[in-house]
Amino acid sequence: MKIFPSFLPGIPDRLFPVLRSLNGIPTSYYLIAIIILGFLVRTYVWHFSNWVGLVRHGDGYLFLAQALADGDWNKYFSHWRFLQPVYPLYLVPMYYFKLEDSIYVFWLHQALLAGTIIFLYLSIREFFGRWCGIIGCLIYAIQLQIAYWINWTLSDVAFHFHLSIFIYFALSCWKKATWRLLCYAIISGLLLVMTRPDGYVILFSSAAVLFYRILASRYKSVWAFVATSLAALIFIICVLWFTFSHEKARVAILSNVHVGWGLYTGTLPTPTNPA
């Protein structure tokens, strides 16, 4: 079977040896090259984007990190974002050891994004093979929308890192659910929801899919789908009932910037000036 049209004579003979030689290069070399390329792209954005250098926006994360470094728990729990401690914990050494914030955040974000690339490759490779994993990581590494957040002291970079870990273990459970993998998936999922509230949707959706997967392996697919849908509906009703029946829970949830803005609940605290 001809792969190339006849008006490109000789190309297969010259191209296939090149492809075979590329296939012989260890995957680790490709990943190192991709990580370096992504590092260069993000470094360029750090120095030459509209926001040059560190943007101390914070969204409360700097406040929480300072409180944790000082051991001031009253100050920590006074902030509405106290349920998302993961990114502030990454920032604690900056305050505890009195490090230069711009240097620390730059290297912290670069390290987290390098880890994201590795786990992203592992996840894609599991289902689509080596080359899809390499190409997917390359696209992620040079994507400017991802690189944009390198400057900001926001949780987006950390969220991507923990999301990539959760995806890897969740997909591993999908292929072969063992107690060890399930524990890893639960732990990584909990870290995900404690990084950004967006993680709740991802965690519960993944739990529903895994629940369906387990039921479908034992019962008919139709019954598994019905049972999963009913369980999800009951869970949503319980969450809504709890939220609107308890004032403290309602205030805590709807005053969260991500939840409140998403639901258009009206007057909400701003990211830099929470009520």
C-alpha atoms as a PDB file:
ATOM      1  CA  MET A   1       0.000   0.000   0.000  1.00  0.00           C
ATOM      2  CA  LYS A   2       1.336   3.416  -0.969  1.00  0.00           C
ATOM      3  CA  ILE A   3       1.599   5.856   1.890  1.00  0.00           C
ATOM      4  CA  PHE A   4       2.865   8.811  -0.163  1.00  0.00           C
ATOM      5  CA  PRO A   5       1.484   9.937  -3.540  1.00  0.00           C
ATOM      6  CA  SER A   6       3.446   9.146  -6.679  1.00  0.00           C
ATOM      7  CA  PHE A   7       4.358  12.808  -7.290  1.00  0.00           C
ATOM      8  CA  LEU A   8       6.658  12.653  -4.233  1.00  0.00           C
ATOM      9  CA  PRO A   9       9.186  10.106  -5.533  1.00  0.00           C
ATOM     10  CA  GLY A  10      11.903   8.940  -3.188  1.00  0.00           C
ATOM     11  CA  ILE A  11      10.431  10.548  -0.055  1.00  0.00           C
ATOM     12  CA  PRO A  12       9.505   7.248   1.658  1.00  0.00           C
ATOM     13  CA  ASP A  13      13.037   5.931   1.174  1.00  0.00           C
ATOM     14  CA  ARG A  14      14.518   9.034   2.771  1.00  0.00           C
ATOM     15  CA  LEU A  15      11.851   9.546   5.434  1.00  0.00           C
ATOM     16  CA  PHE A  16      11.449   6.085   6.938  1.00  0.00           C
ATOM     17  CA  PRO A  17      15.069   5.812   8.144  1.00  0.00           C
ATOM     18  CA  VAL A  18      14.635   9.215   9.802  1.00  0.00           C
ATOM     19  CA  LEU A  19      11.453   8.070  11.527  1.00  0.00           C
ATOM     20  CA  ARG A  20      13.142   4.865  12.656  1.00  0.00           C
ATOM     21  CA  SER A  21      16.032   6.860  14.089  1.00  0.00           C
ATOM     22  CA  LEU A  22      13.621   9.160  15.935  1.00  0.00           C
ATOM     23  CA  ASN A  23      11.822   6.141  17.330  1.00  0.00           C
ATOM     24  CA  GLY A  24      15.097   4.857  18.709  1.00  0.00           C
ATOM     25  CA  ILE A  25      15.710   7.955  20.843  1.00  0.00           C
ATOM     26  CA  PRO A  26      14.809   7.296  24.511  1.00  0.00           C
ATOM     27  CA  THR A  27      11.592   8.892  25.710  1.00  0.00           C
ATOM     28  CA  SER A  28      13.413  10.593  28.574  1.00  0.00           C
ATOM     29  CA  TYR A  29      15.415  12.635  26.037  1.00  0.00           C
ATOM     30  CA  TYR A  30      12.234  13.894  24.414  1.00  0.00           C
ATOM     31  CA  LEU A  31      10.699  14.787  27.776  1.00  0.00           C
ATOM     32  CA  ILE A  32      13.825  16.653  28.863  1.00  0.00           C
ATOM     33  CA  ALA A  33      13.819  18.592  25.578  1.00  0.00           C
ATOM     34  CA  ILE A  34      10.107  19.407  25.952  1.00  0.00           C
ATOM     35  CA  ILE A  35      10.567  20.531  29.566  1.00  0.00           C
ATOM     36  CA  ILE A  36      13.464  22.784  28.516  1.00  0.00           C
ATOM     37  CA  LEU A  37      11.437  24.210  25.623  1.00  0.00           C
ATOM     38  CA  GLY A  38       8.502  24.894  27.941  1.00  0.00           C
ATOM     39  CA  PHE A  39      10.885  26.488  30.429  1.00  0.00           C
ATOM     40  CA  LEU A  40      12.155  28.862  27.728  1.00  0.00           C
ATOM     41  CA  VAL A  41       8.631  29.786  26.601  1.00  0.00           C
ATOM     42  CA  ARG A  42       7.513  30.541  30.159  1.00  0.00           C
ATOM     43  CA  THR A  43      10.711  32.470  30.891  1.00  0.00           C
ATOM     44  CA  TYR A  44      10.027  34.637  27.846  1.00  0.00           C
ATOM     45  CA  VAL A  45       6.468  35.254  29.064  1.00  0.00           C
ATOM     46  CA  TRP A  46       7.787  36.096  32.544  1.00  0.00           C
ATOM     47  CA  HIS A  47      10.085  38.814  31.199  1.00  0.00           C
ATOM     48  CA  PHE A  48       8.302  40.106  28.088  1.00  0.00           C
ATOM     49  CA  SER A  49       4.549  39.688  28.543  1.00  0.00           C
ATOM     50  CA  ASN A  50       2.154  42.492  29.445  1.00  0.00           C
ATOM     51  CA  TRP A  51       2.761  41.576  33.094  1.00  0.00           C
ATOM     52  CA  VAL A  52       6.532  41.684  33.559  1.00  0.00           C
ATOM     53  CA  GLY A  53       7.922  39.742  36.496  1.00  0.00           C
ATOM     54  CA  LEU A  54       5.956  38.557  39.504  1.00  0.00           C
ATOM     55  CA  VAL A  55       2.332  39.661  39.794  1.00  0.00           C
ATOM     56  CA  ARG A  56       1.459  39.658  43.496  1.00  0.00           C
ATOM     57  CA  HIS A  57      -2.264  39.323  42.877  1.00  0.00           C
ATOM     58  CA  GLY A  58      -2.592  36.717  45.562  1.00  0.00           C
ATOM     59  CA  ASP A  59      -6.356  36.094  45.636  1.00  0.00           C
ATOM     60  CA  GLY A  60      -5.795  35.370  49.328  1.00  0.00           C
ATOM     61  CA  TYR A  61      -3.054  32.791  48.822  1.00  0.00           C
ATOM     62  CA  LEU A  62      -0.264  35.123  49.947  1.00  0.00           C
ATOM     63  CA  PHE A  63      -2.302  36.037  53.024  1.00  0.00           C
ATOM     64  CA  LEU A  64      -2.799  32.356  53.892  1.00  0.00           C
ATOM     65  CA  ALA A  65       0.845  31.482  53.261  1.00  0.00           C
ATOM     66  CA  GLN A  66       1.970  34.277  55.580  1.00  0.00           C
ATOM     67  CA  ALA A  67      -0.447  33.076  58.265  1.00  0.00           C
ATOM     68  CA  LEU A  68       0.813  29.492  57.971  1.00  0.00           C
ATOM     69  CA  ALA A  69       4.441  30.606  58.119  1.00  0.00           C
ATOM     70  CA  ASP A  70       3.682  32.624  61.271  1.00  0.00           C
ATOM     71  CA  GLY A  71       1.640  29.810  62.804  1.00  0.00           C
ATOM     72  CA  ASP A  72      -1.282  32.209  63.223  1.00  0.00           C
ATOM     73  CA  TRP A  73      -4.260  29.848  62.882  1.00  0.00           C
ATOM     74  CA  ASN A  74      -6.862  32.453  63.805  1.00  0.00           C
ATOM     75  CA  LYS A  75      -5.616  34.619  60.961  1.00  0.00           C
ATOM     76  CA  TYR A  76      -5.574  31.628  58.605  1.00  0.00           C
ATOM     77  CA  PHE A  77      -9.137  30.494  59.340  1.00  0.00           C
ATOM     78  CA  SER A  78     -10.433  34.063  59.152  1.00  0.00           C
ATOM     79  CA  HIS A  79      -9.994  34.002  55.372  1.00  0.00           C
ATOM     80  CA  TRP A  80     -12.754  32.603  53.176  1.00  0.00           C
ATOM     81  CA  ARG A  81     -10.256  30.516  51.185  1.00  0.00           C
ATOM     82  CA  PHE A  82      -8.971  28.480  54.132  1.00  0.00           C
ATOM     83  CA  LEU A  83     -10.348  25.271  52.588  1.00  0.00           C
ATOM     84  CA  GLN A  84      -7.741  25.507  49.790  1.00  0.00           C
ATOM     85  CA  PRO A  85      -4.414  25.193  51.655  1.00  0.00           C
ATOM     86  CA  VAL A  86      -2.334  23.376  49.034  1.00  0.00           C
ATOM     87  CA  TYR A  87      -0.995  26.353  47.081  1.00  0.00           C
ATOM     88  CA  PRO A  88      -0.379  28.429  50.242  1.00  0.00           C
ATOM     89  CA  LEU A  89       1.643  25.491  51.600  1.00  0.00           C
ATOM     90  CA  TYR A  90       3.840  25.683  48.506  1.00  0.00           C
ATOM     91  CA  LEU A  91       4.399  29.368  49.300  1.00  0.00           C
ATOM     92  CA  VAL A  92       5.167  28.892  53.010  1.00  0.00           C
ATOM     93  CA  PRO A  93       8.977  28.391  52.570  1.00  0.00           C
ATOM     94  CA  MET A  94       9.124  31.776  50.837  1.00  0.00           C
ATOM     95  CA  TYR A  95       7.923  33.480  54.029  1.00  0.00           C
ATOM     96  CA  TYR A  96       9.449  31.108  56.571  1.00  0.00           C
ATOM     97  CA  PHE A  97      12.976  31.388  55.159  1.00  0.00           C
ATOM     98  CA  LYS A  98      12.446  34.994  53.965  1.00  0.00           C
ATOM     99  CA  LEU A  99      13.304  34.195  50.346  1.00  0.00           C
ATOM    100  CA  GLU A 100      13.035  36.610  47.425  1.00  0.00           C
ATOM    101  CA  ASP A 101       9.425  36.155  46.315  1.00  0.00           C
ATOM    102  CA  SER A 102       9.957  36.657  42.570  1.00  0.00           C
ATOM    103  CA  ILE A 103      12.794  34.114  42.404  1.00  0.00           C
ATOM    104  CA  TYR A 104      10.967  31.577  44.573  1.00  0.00           C
ATOM    105  CA  VAL A 105       7.658  31.747  42.685  1.00  0.00           C
ATOM    106  CA  PHE A 106       9.417  31.613  39.307  1.00  0.00           C
ATOM    107  CA  TRP A 107      11.225  28.362  40.139  1.00  0.00           C
ATOM    108  CA  LEU A 108       8.255  26.916  42.028  1.00  0.00           C
ATOM    109  CA  HIS A 109       5.962  27.363  39.039  1.00  0.00           C
ATOM    110  CA  GLN A 110       8.582  26.046  36.627  1.00  0.00           C
ATOM    111  CA  ALA A 111       9.036  22.913  38.761  1.00  0.00           C
ATOM    112  CA  LEU A 112       5.281  22.313  39.057  1.00  0.00           C
ATOM    113  CA  LEU A 113       4.780  22.677  35.309  1.00  0.00           C
ATOM    114  CA  ALA A 114       7.684  20.314  34.608  1.00  0.00           C
ATOM    115  CA  GLY A 115       5.994  17.760  36.869  1.00  0.00           C
ATOM    116  CA  THR A 116       2.717  18.357  35.042  1.00  0.00           C
ATOM    117  CA  ILE A 117       4.378  17.516  31.723  1.00  0.00           C
ATOM    118  CA  ILE A 118       5.712  14.220  33.103  1.00  0.00           C
ATOM    119  CA  PHE A 119       2.361  13.056  34.512  1.00  0.00           C
ATOM    120  CA  LEU A 120       0.574  14.259  31.381  1.00  0.00           C
ATOM    121  CA  TYR A 121       2.868  12.084  29.278  1.00  0.00           C
ATOM    122  CA  LEU A 122       2.273   9.055  31.510  1.00  0.00           C
ATOM    123  CA  SER A 123      -1.501   9.508  31.261  1.00  0.00           C
ATOM    124  CA  ILE A 124      -1.616   9.912  27.481  1.00  0.00           C
ATOM    125  CA  ARG A 125       0.799   7.033  26.908  1.00  0.00           C
ATOM    126  CA  GLU A 126      -1.420   4.624  28.843  1.00  0.00           C
ATOM    127  CA  PHE A 127      -4.204   4.905  26.271  1.00  0.00           C
ATOM    128  CA  PHE A 128      -2.747   6.359  23.079  1.00  0.00           C
ATOM    129  CA  GLY A 129       0.884   5.315  23.014  1.00  0.00           C
ATOM    130  CA  ARG A 130       4.299   6.888  23.256  1.00  0.00           C
ATOM    131  CA  TRP A 131       4.184   9.333  20.356  1.00  0.00           C
ATOM    132  CA  CYS A 132       0.780  10.759  21.264  1.00  0.00           C
ATOM    133  CA  GLY A 133       2.126  11.325  24.764  1.00  0.00           C
ATOM    134  CA  ILE A 134       5.191  13.145  23.450  1.00  0.00           C
ATOM    135  CA  ILE A 135       3.173  15.307  21.039  1.00  0.00           C
ATOM    136  CA  GLY A 136       0.562  16.093  23.694  1.00  0.00           C
ATOM    137  CA  CYS A 137       3.253  17.188  26.154  1.00  0.00           C
ATOM    138  CA  LEU A 138       4.888  19.339  23.483  1.00  0.00           C
ATOM    139  CA  ILE A 139       1.614  21.142  22.770  1.00  0.00           C
ATOM    140  CA  TYR A 140       1.033  21.702  26.487  1.00  0.00           C
ATOM    141  CA  ALA A 141       4.587  22.956  27.075  1.00  0.00           C
ATOM    142  CA  ILE A 142       4.440  25.669  24.403  1.00  0.00           C
ATOM    143  CA  GLN A 143       0.798  26.661  24.922  1.00  0.00           C
ATOM    144  CA  LEU A 144       0.811  30.389  25.705  1.00  0.00           C
ATOM    145  CA  GLN A 145      -2.422  30.301  27.695  1.00  0.00           C
ATOM    146  CA  ILE A 146      -0.676  27.929  30.119  1.00  0.00           C
ATOM    147  CA  ALA A 147       2.494  30.017  30.138  1.00  0.00           C
ATOM    148  CA  TYR A 148       0.485  33.169  30.898  1.00  0.00           C
ATOM    149  CA  TRP A 149      -0.062  32.116  34.528  1.00  0.00           C
ATOM    150  CA  ILE A 150       3.650  31.728  35.294  1.00  0.00           C
ATOM    151  CA  ASN A 151       3.757  35.332  36.605  1.00  0.00           C
ATOM    152  CA  TRP A 152       0.756  35.179  38.902  1.00  0.00           C
ATOM    153  CA  THR A 153       0.672  34.047  42.528  1.00  0.00           C
ATOM    154  CA  LEU A 154      -2.528  32.151  41.827  1.00  0.00           C
ATOM    155  CA  SER A 155      -3.285  28.454  42.149  1.00  0.00           C
ATOM    156  CA  ASP A 156      -3.669  27.721  38.422  1.00  0.00           C
ATOM    157  CA  VAL A 157      -0.185  26.230  38.023  1.00  0.00           C
ATOM    158  CA  ALA A 158      -0.504  24.087  41.154  1.00  0.00           C
ATOM    159  CA  PHE A 159      -3.987  23.029  40.051  1.00  0.00           C
ATOM    160  CA  HIS A 160      -2.653  21.770  36.719  1.00  0.00           C
ATOM    161  CA  PHE A 161       0.043  19.801  38.535  1.00  0.00           C
ATOM    162  CA  HIS A 162      -2.371  18.081  40.923  1.00  0.00           C
ATOM    163  CA  LEU A 163      -4.905  17.584  38.138  1.00  0.00           C
ATOM    164  CA  SER A 164      -2.296  15.735  36.060  1.00  0.00           C
ATOM    165  CA  ILE A 165      -1.500  13.474  39.030  1.00  0.00           C
ATOM    166  CA  PHE A 166      -5.182  12.759  39.632  1.00  0.00           C
ATOM    167  CA  ILE A 167      -5.804  12.020  35.951  1.00  0.00           C
ATOM    168  CA  TYR A 168      -2.924   9.544  35.908  1.00  0.00           C
ATOM    169  CA  PHE A 169      -4.159   7.565  38.912  1.00  0.00           C
ATOM    170  CA  ALA A 170      -7.822   7.811  37.865  1.00  0.00           C
ATOM    171  CA  LEU A 171      -7.009   6.404  34.415  1.00  0.00           C
ATOM    172  CA  SER A 172      -4.889   3.699  36.031  1.00  0.00           C
ATOM    173  CA  CYS A 173      -7.920   2.730  38.137  1.00  0.00           C
ATOM    174  CA  TRP A 174     -10.031   2.664  34.982  1.00  0.00           C
ATOM    175  CA  LYS A 175      -7.687   0.136  33.380  1.00  0.00           C
ATOM    176  CA  LYS A 176      -7.233  -1.995  36.487  1.00  0.00           C
ATOM    177  CA  ALA A 177      -8.731  -0.943  39.791  1.00  0.00           C
ATOM    178  CA  THR A 178      -6.619  -2.088  42.733  1.00  0.00           C
ATOM    179  CA  TRP A 179      -6.874  -0.911  46.322  1.00  0.00           C
ATOM    180  CA  ARG A 180      -3.477   0.753  46.090  1.00  0.00           C
ATOM    181  CA  LEU A 181      -4.335   2.685  42.921  1.00  0.00           C
ATOM    182  CA  LEU A 182      -7.724   3.588  44.363  1.00  0.00           C
ATOM    183  CA  CYS A 183      -6.063   5.018  47.487  1.00  0.00           C
ATOM    184  CA  TYR A 184      -3.648   7.022  45.323  1.00  0.00           C
ATOM    185  CA  ALA A 185      -6.560   8.346  43.256  1.00  0.00           C
ATOM    186  CA  ILE A 186      -8.506   9.363  46.373  1.00  0.00           C
ATOM    187  CA  ILE A 187      -5.495  11.099  47.941  1.00  0.00           C
ATOM    188  CA  SER A 188      -4.641  12.954  44.721  1.00  0.00           C
ATOM    189  CA  GLY A 189      -8.322  13.883  44.321  1.00  0.00           C
ATOM    190  CA  LEU A 190      -8.476  15.332  47.831  1.00  0.00           C
ATOM    191  CA  LEU A 191      -5.344  17.370  47.141  1.00  0.00           C
ATOM    192  CA  LEU A 192      -6.999  18.563  43.939  1.00  0.00           C
ATOM    193  CA  VAL A 193     -10.108  19.877  45.718  1.00  0.00           C
ATOM    194  CA  MET A 194      -7.900  21.545  48.331  1.00  0.00           C
ATOM    195  CA  THR A 195      -6.070  23.378  45.561  1.00  0.00           C
ATOM    196  CA  ARG A 196      -9.074  24.913  43.798  1.00  0.00           C
ATOM    197  CA  PRO A 197     -12.820  24.372  44.305  1.00  0.00           C
ATOM    198  CA  ASP A 198     -13.055  23.392  40.627  1.00  0.00           C
ATOM    199  CA  GLY A 199     -11.598  20.096  41.765  1.00  0.00           C
ATOM    200  CA  TYR A 200     -14.874  19.090  43.423  1.00  0.00           C
ATOM    201  CA  VAL A 201     -16.608  18.793  40.056  1.00  0.00           C
ATOM    202  CA  ILE A 202     -13.724  16.773  38.611  1.00  0.00           C
ATOM    203  CA  LEU A 203     -13.467  14.485  41.644  1.00  0.00           C
ATOM    204  CA  PHE A 204     -17.182  13.708  41.912  1.00  0.00           C
ATOM    205  CA  SER A 205     -17.566  13.275  38.139  1.00  0.00           C
ATOM    206  CA  SER A 206     -14.646  10.851  38.117  1.00  0.00           C
ATOM    207  CA  ALA A 207     -16.130   8.988  41.091  1.00  0.00           C
ATOM    208  CA  ALA A 208     -19.408   8.624  39.192  1.00  0.00           C
ATOM    209  CA  VAL A 209     -17.608   7.259  36.126  1.00  0.00           C
ATOM    210  CA  LEU A 210     -15.632   4.795  38.248  1.00  0.00           C
ATOM    211  CA  PHE A 211     -18.840   3.749  40.040  1.00  0.00           C
ATOM    212  CA  TYR A 212     -20.431   3.045  36.658  1.00  0.00           C
ATOM    213  CA  ARG A 213     -17.344   1.122  35.560  1.00  0.00           C
ATOM    214  CA  ILE A 214     -17.539  -1.160  38.606  1.00  0.00           C
ATOM    215  CA  LEU A 215     -21.287  -1.759  38.218  1.00  0.00           C
ATOM    216  CA  ALA A 216     -21.040  -2.350  34.460  1.00  0.00           C
ATOM    217  CA  SER A 217     -18.489  -5.112  35.055  1.00  0.00           C
ATOM    218  CA  ARG A 218     -21.060  -7.010  37.156  1.00  0.00           C
ATOM    219  CA  TYR A 219     -24.452  -6.014  35.757  1.00  0.00           C
ATOM    220  CA  LYS A 220     -25.951  -4.897  32.464  1.00  0.00           C
ATOM    221  CA  SER A 221     -24.755  -1.535  31.185  1.00  0.00           C
ATOM    222  CA  VAL A 222     -28.288  -0.102  31.185  1.00  0.00           C
ATOM    223  CA  TRP A 223     -28.846  -0.917  34.853  1.00  0.00           C
ATOM    224  CA  ALA A 224     -25.385   0.367  35.728  1.00  0.00           C
ATOM    225  CA  PHE A 225     -26.151   3.668  33.982  1.00  0.00           C
ATOM    226  CA  VAL A 226     -29.539   4.004  35.726  1.00  0.00           C
ATOM    227  CA  ALA A 227     -28.028   3.252  39.143  1.00  0.00           C
ATOM    228  CA  THR A 228     -25.188   5.733  38.585  1.00  0.00           C
ATOM    229  CA  SER A 229     -27.600   8.451  37.429  1.00  0.00           C
ATOM    230  CA  LEU A 230     -29.875   7.931  40.447  1.00  0.00           C
ATOM    231  CA  ALA A 231     -26.920   7.985  42.839  1.00  0.00           C
ATOM    232  CA  ALA A 232     -25.646  11.215  41.246  1.00  0.00           C
ATOM    233  CA  LEU A 233     -29.116  12.801  41.426  1.00  0.00           C
ATOM    234  CA  ILE A 234     -29.536  11.870  45.105  1.00  0.00           C
ATOM    235  CA  PHE A 235     -26.077  13.231  45.870  1.00  0.00           C
ATOM    236  CA  ILE A 236     -26.803  16.561  44.140  1.00  0.00           C
ATOM    237  CA  ILE A 237     -30.131  16.910  45.985  1.00  0.00           C
ATOM    238  CA  CYS A 238     -28.426  16.222  49.330  1.00  0.00           C
ATOM    239  CA  VAL A 239     -25.714  18.802  48.614  1.00  0.00           C
ATOM    240  CA  LEU A 240     -28.282  21.446  47.631  1.00  0.00           C
ATOM    241  CA  TRP A 241     -30.423  20.692  50.677  1.00  0.00           C
ATOM    242  CA  PHE A 242     -27.436  20.911  53.015  1.00  0.00           C
ATOM    243  CA  THR A 243     -26.219  24.132  51.393  1.00  0.00           C
ATOM    244  CA  PHE A 244     -29.506  26.013  51.632  1.00  0.00           C
ATOM    245  CA  SER A 245     -30.554  24.579  55.017  1.00  0.00           C
ATOM    246  CA  HIS A 246     -27.417  25.637  56.879  1.00  0.00           C
ATOM    247  CA  GLU A 247     -26.549  29.323  56.896  1.00  0.00           C
ATOM    248  CA  LYS A 248     -22.833  28.859  57.596  1.00  0.00           C
ATOM    249  CA  ALA A 249     -22.464  26.370  54.745  1.00  0.00           C
ATOM    250  CA  ARG A 250     -24.437  28.613  52.396  1.00  0.00           C
ATOM    251  CA  VAL A 251     -22.315  31.658  53.209  1.00  0.00           C
ATOM    252  CA  ALA A 252     -19.057  29.712  52.950  1.00  0.00           C
ATOM    253  CA  ILE A 253     -19.947  28.210  49.569  1.00  0.00           C
ATOM    254  CA  LEU A 254     -21.621  31.159  47.866  1.00  0.00           C
ATOM    255  CA  SER A 255     -19.058  33.681  49.125  1.00  0.00           C
ATOM    256  CA  ASN A 256     -16.326  31.707  47.387  1.00  0.00           C
ATOM    257  CA  VAL A 257     -15.284  33.674  44.315  1.00  0.00           C
ATOM    258  CA  HIS A 258     -15.226  30.685  41.961  1.00  0.00           C
ATOM    259  CA  VAL A 259     -18.631  29.378  43.068  1.00  0.00           C
ATOM    260  CA  GLY A 260     -20.335  32.737  43.439  1.00  0.00           C
ATOM    261  CA  TRP A 261     -19.210  34.154  40.124  1.00  0.00           C
ATOM    262  CA  GLY A 262     -20.053  30.906  38.368  1.00  0.00           C
ATOM    263  CA  LEU A 263     -23.612  31.018  39.712  1.00  0.00           C
ATOM    264  CA  TYR A 264     -23.999  34.792  39.232  1.00  0.00           C
ATOM    265  CA  THR A 265     -25.237  35.201  42.797  1.00  0.00           C
ATOM    266  CA  GLY A 266     -24.845  38.967  42.722  1.00  0.00           C
ATOM    267  CA  THR A 267     -22.720  41.025  45.082  1.00  0.00           C
ATOM    268  CA  LEU A 268     -19.639  39.048  46.042  1.00  0.00           C
ATOM    269  CA  PRO A 269     -16.287  39.844  47.595  1.00  0.00           C
ATOM    270  CA  THR A 270     -13.585  40.666  45.085  1.00  0.00           C
ATOM    271  CA  PRO A 271     -10.491  38.432  44.789  1.00  0.00           C
ATOM    272  CA  THR A 272      -8.243  41.110  46.276  1.00  0.00           C
ATOM    273  CA  ASN A 273     -10.680  42.409  48.862  1.00  0.00           C
ATOM    274  CA  PRO A 274     -12.724  39.524  50.316  1.00  0.00           C
ATOM    275  CA  ALA A 275     -15.539  40.499  52.620  1.00  0.00           C
END
